[in-house]
C-alpha atoms as a PDB file:
ATOM      1  CA  UNK A   1    -211.636-105.957 -31.045  1.00  0.00           C
ATOM      2  CA  UNK A   2    -214.654-106.533 -28.804  1.00  0.00           C
ATOM      3  CA  UNK A   3    -214.982-103.295 -26.817  1.00  0.00           C
ATOM      4  CA  UNK A   4    -213.519 -99.866 -27.417  1.00  0.00           C
ATOM      5  CA  UNK A   5    -213.584 -96.766 -25.217  1.00  0.00           C
ATOM      6  CA  UNK A   6    -211.941 -94.066 -27.379  1.00  0.00           C
ATOM      7  CA  UNK A   7    -212.425 -91.143 -25.000  1.00  0.00           C
ATOM      8  CA  UNK A   8    -210.823 -93.137 -22.171  1.00  0.00           C
ATOM      9  CA  UNK A   9    -208.022 -94.485 -24.387  1.00  0.00           C
ATOM     10  CA  UNK A  10    -208.457 -98.238 -23.940  1.00  0.00           C
ATOM     11  CA  UNK A  11    -210.362-101.280 -25.116  1.00  0.00           C
ATOM     12  CA  UNK A  12    -210.583-105.048 -25.013  1.00  0.00           C
ATOM     13  CA  UNK A  13    -209.478-107.697 -27.504  1.00  0.00           C
ATOM     14  CA  UNK A  14    -210.652-111.274 -27.779  1.00  0.00           C
ATOM     15  CA  UNK A  15    -207.868-113.821 -27.409  1.00  0.00           C
ATOM     16  CA  UNK A  16    -208.021-117.140 -29.248  1.00  0.00           C
ATOM     17  CA  UNK A  17    -208.985-118.710 -25.910  1.00  0.00           C
ATOM     18  CA  UNK A  18    -212.090-116.490 -25.886  1.00  0.00           C
ATOM     19  CA  UNK A  19    -210.787-114.392 -22.989  1.00  0.00           C
ATOM     20  CA  UNK A  20    -211.167-110.615 -23.244  1.00  0.00           C
ATOM     21  CA  UNK A  21    -207.803-108.896 -22.913  1.00  0.00           C
ATOM     22  CA  UNK A  22    -207.338-105.250 -21.893  1.00  0.00           C
ATOM     23  CA  UNK A  23    -205.166-102.906 -23.963  1.00  0.00           C
ATOM     24  CA  UNK A  24    -204.227 -99.224 -23.670  1.00  0.00           C
ATOM     25  CA  UNK A  25    -203.969 -96.835 -26.616  1.00  0.00           C
ATOM     26  CA  UNK A  26    -200.217 -96.508 -26.028  1.00  0.00           C
ATOM     27  CA  UNK A  27    -199.895-100.227 -26.884  1.00  0.00           C
ATOM     28  CA  UNK A  28    -201.196 -99.697 -30.428  1.00  0.00           C
ATOM     29  CA  UNK A  29    -198.415 -99.502 -33.010  1.00  0.00           C
ATOM     30  CA  UNK A  30    -198.014 -96.615 -35.464  1.00  0.00           C
ATOM     31  CA  UNK A  31    -200.302 -94.374 -33.382  1.00  0.00           C
ATOM     32  CA  UNK A  32    -203.282 -96.235 -34.957  1.00  0.00           C
ATOM     33  CA  UNK A  33    -205.602 -96.178 -31.919  1.00  0.00           C
ATOM     34  CA  UNK A  34    -207.899 -93.742 -33.748  1.00  0.00           C
ATOM     35  CA  UNK A  35    -208.330 -96.218 -36.618  1.00  0.00           C
ATOM     36  CA  UNK A  36    -209.685 -98.974 -34.360  1.00  0.00           C
ATOM     37  CA  UNK A  37    -213.344 -99.957 -34.341  1.00  0.00           C
ATOM     38  CA  UNK A  38    -215.161-102.946 -32.859  1.00  0.00           C
ATOM     39  CA  UNK A  39    -214.427-105.856 -35.183  1.00  0.00           C
ATOM     40  CA  UNK A  40    -211.000-104.647 -36.315  1.00  0.00           C
ATOM     41  CA  UNK A  41    -208.617-107.573 -36.699  1.00  0.00           C
ATOM     42  CA  UNK A  42    -205.395-107.182 -34.737  1.00  0.00           C
ATOM     43  CA  UNK A  43    -202.426-109.186 -33.573  1.00  0.00           C
ATOM     44  CA  UNK A  44    -200.792-108.539 -30.249  1.00  0.00           C
ATOM     45  CA  UNK A  45    -198.343-109.744 -27.660  1.00  0.00           C
ATOM     46  CA  UNK A  46    -199.913-110.996 -24.437  1.00  0.00           C
ATOM     47  CA  UNK A  47    -198.160-109.851 -21.268  1.00  0.00           C
ATOM     48  CA  UNK A  48    -198.901-109.837 -17.566  1.00  0.00           C
ATOM     49  CA  UNK A  49    -199.899-106.397 -16.304  1.00  0.00           C
ATOM     50  CA  UNK A  50    -200.385-105.126 -12.787  1.00  0.00           C
ATOM     51  CA  UNK A  51    -204.078-106.104 -12.841  1.00  0.00           C
ATOM     52  CA  UNK A  52    -203.822-109.253 -14.962  1.00  0.00           C
ATOM     53  CA  UNK A  53    -203.224-110.117 -18.612  1.00  0.00           C
ATOM     54  CA  UNK A  54    -203.007-107.263 -21.087  1.00  0.00           C
ATOM     55  CA  UNK A  55    -202.155-106.797 -24.741  1.00  0.00           C
ATOM     56  CA  UNK A  56    -199.080-104.947 -25.882  1.00  0.00           C
ATOM     57  CA  UNK A  57    -197.642-104.281 -29.320  1.00  0.00           C
ATOM     58  CA  UNK A  58    -201.144-104.196 -30.859  1.00  0.00           C
ATOM     59  CA  UNK A  59    -201.056-104.055 -34.666  1.00  0.00           C
ATOM     60  CA  UNK A  60    -204.006-103.716 -37.043  1.00  0.00           C
ATOM     61  CA  UNK A  61    -204.336-106.697 -39.395  1.00  0.00           C
ATOM     62  CA  UNK A  62    -207.699-105.920 -41.034  1.00  0.00           C
ATOM     63  CA  UNK A  63    -210.608-103.548 -40.716  1.00  0.00           C
ATOM     64  CA  UNK A  64    -214.224-104.782 -40.428  1.00  0.00           C
ATOM     65  CA  UNK A  65    -215.641-105.591 -43.848  1.00  0.00           C
ATOM     66  CA  UNK A  66    -212.263-106.018 -45.566  1.00  0.00           C
ATOM     67  CA  UNK A  67    -211.877-109.186 -47.533  1.00  0.00           C
ATOM     68  CA  UNK A  68    -209.125-111.460 -46.283  1.00  0.00           C
ATOM     69  CA  UNK A  69    -206.759-112.819 -48.899  1.00  0.00           C
ATOM     70  CA  UNK A  70    -204.427-111.008 -51.251  1.00  0.00           C
ATOM     71  CA  UNK A  71    -203.275-107.576 -50.135  1.00  0.00           C
ATOM     72  CA  UNK A  72    -204.132-104.721 -52.508  1.00  0.00           C
ATOM     73  CA  UNK A  73    -200.628-103.248 -52.585  1.00  0.00           C
ATOM     74  CA  UNK A  74    -198.485-106.385 -52.712  1.00  0.00           C
ATOM     75  CA  UNK A  75    -198.701-110.007 -53.704  1.00  0.00           C
ATOM     76  CA  UNK A  76    -198.479-111.136 -50.086  1.00  0.00           C
ATOM     77  CA  UNK A  77    -201.398-112.949 -48.511  1.00  0.00           C
ATOM     78  CA  UNK A  78    -203.134-111.164 -45.636  1.00  0.00           C
ATOM     79  CA  UNK A  79    -203.704-112.952 -42.337  1.00  0.00           C
ATOM     80  CA  UNK A  80    -206.994-114.805 -42.063  1.00  0.00           C
ATOM     81  CA  UNK A  81    -208.647-114.924 -38.618  1.00  0.00           C
ATOM     82  CA  UNK A  82    -209.205-118.406 -37.149  1.00  0.00           C
ATOM     83  CA  UNK A  83    -212.654-119.982 -37.404  1.00  0.00           C
ATOM     84  CA  UNK A  84    -214.925-118.778 -34.614  1.00  0.00           C
ATOM     85  CA  UNK A  85    -212.932-115.564 -34.074  1.00  0.00           C
ATOM     86  CA  UNK A  86    -215.212-112.565 -33.656  1.00  0.00           C
END
């Protein structure tokens, strides 16, 4: 998550290519738009919108400051962002 405009209901994500991708709050799963902050780790589906690429099916993977690795509630391993991802 690189930019967030909560009052307007949208933001921008950084793709692995480094490109900033637009997303709308309605694209965030589980009505979690209010939980997003700059630096939140997400995964998303990239689609072509009317004005260019946009993210859909945005799902929170980690919050800023959370330690990647074992999940607290299960024995599954959490996703680790790629090197250089910010």
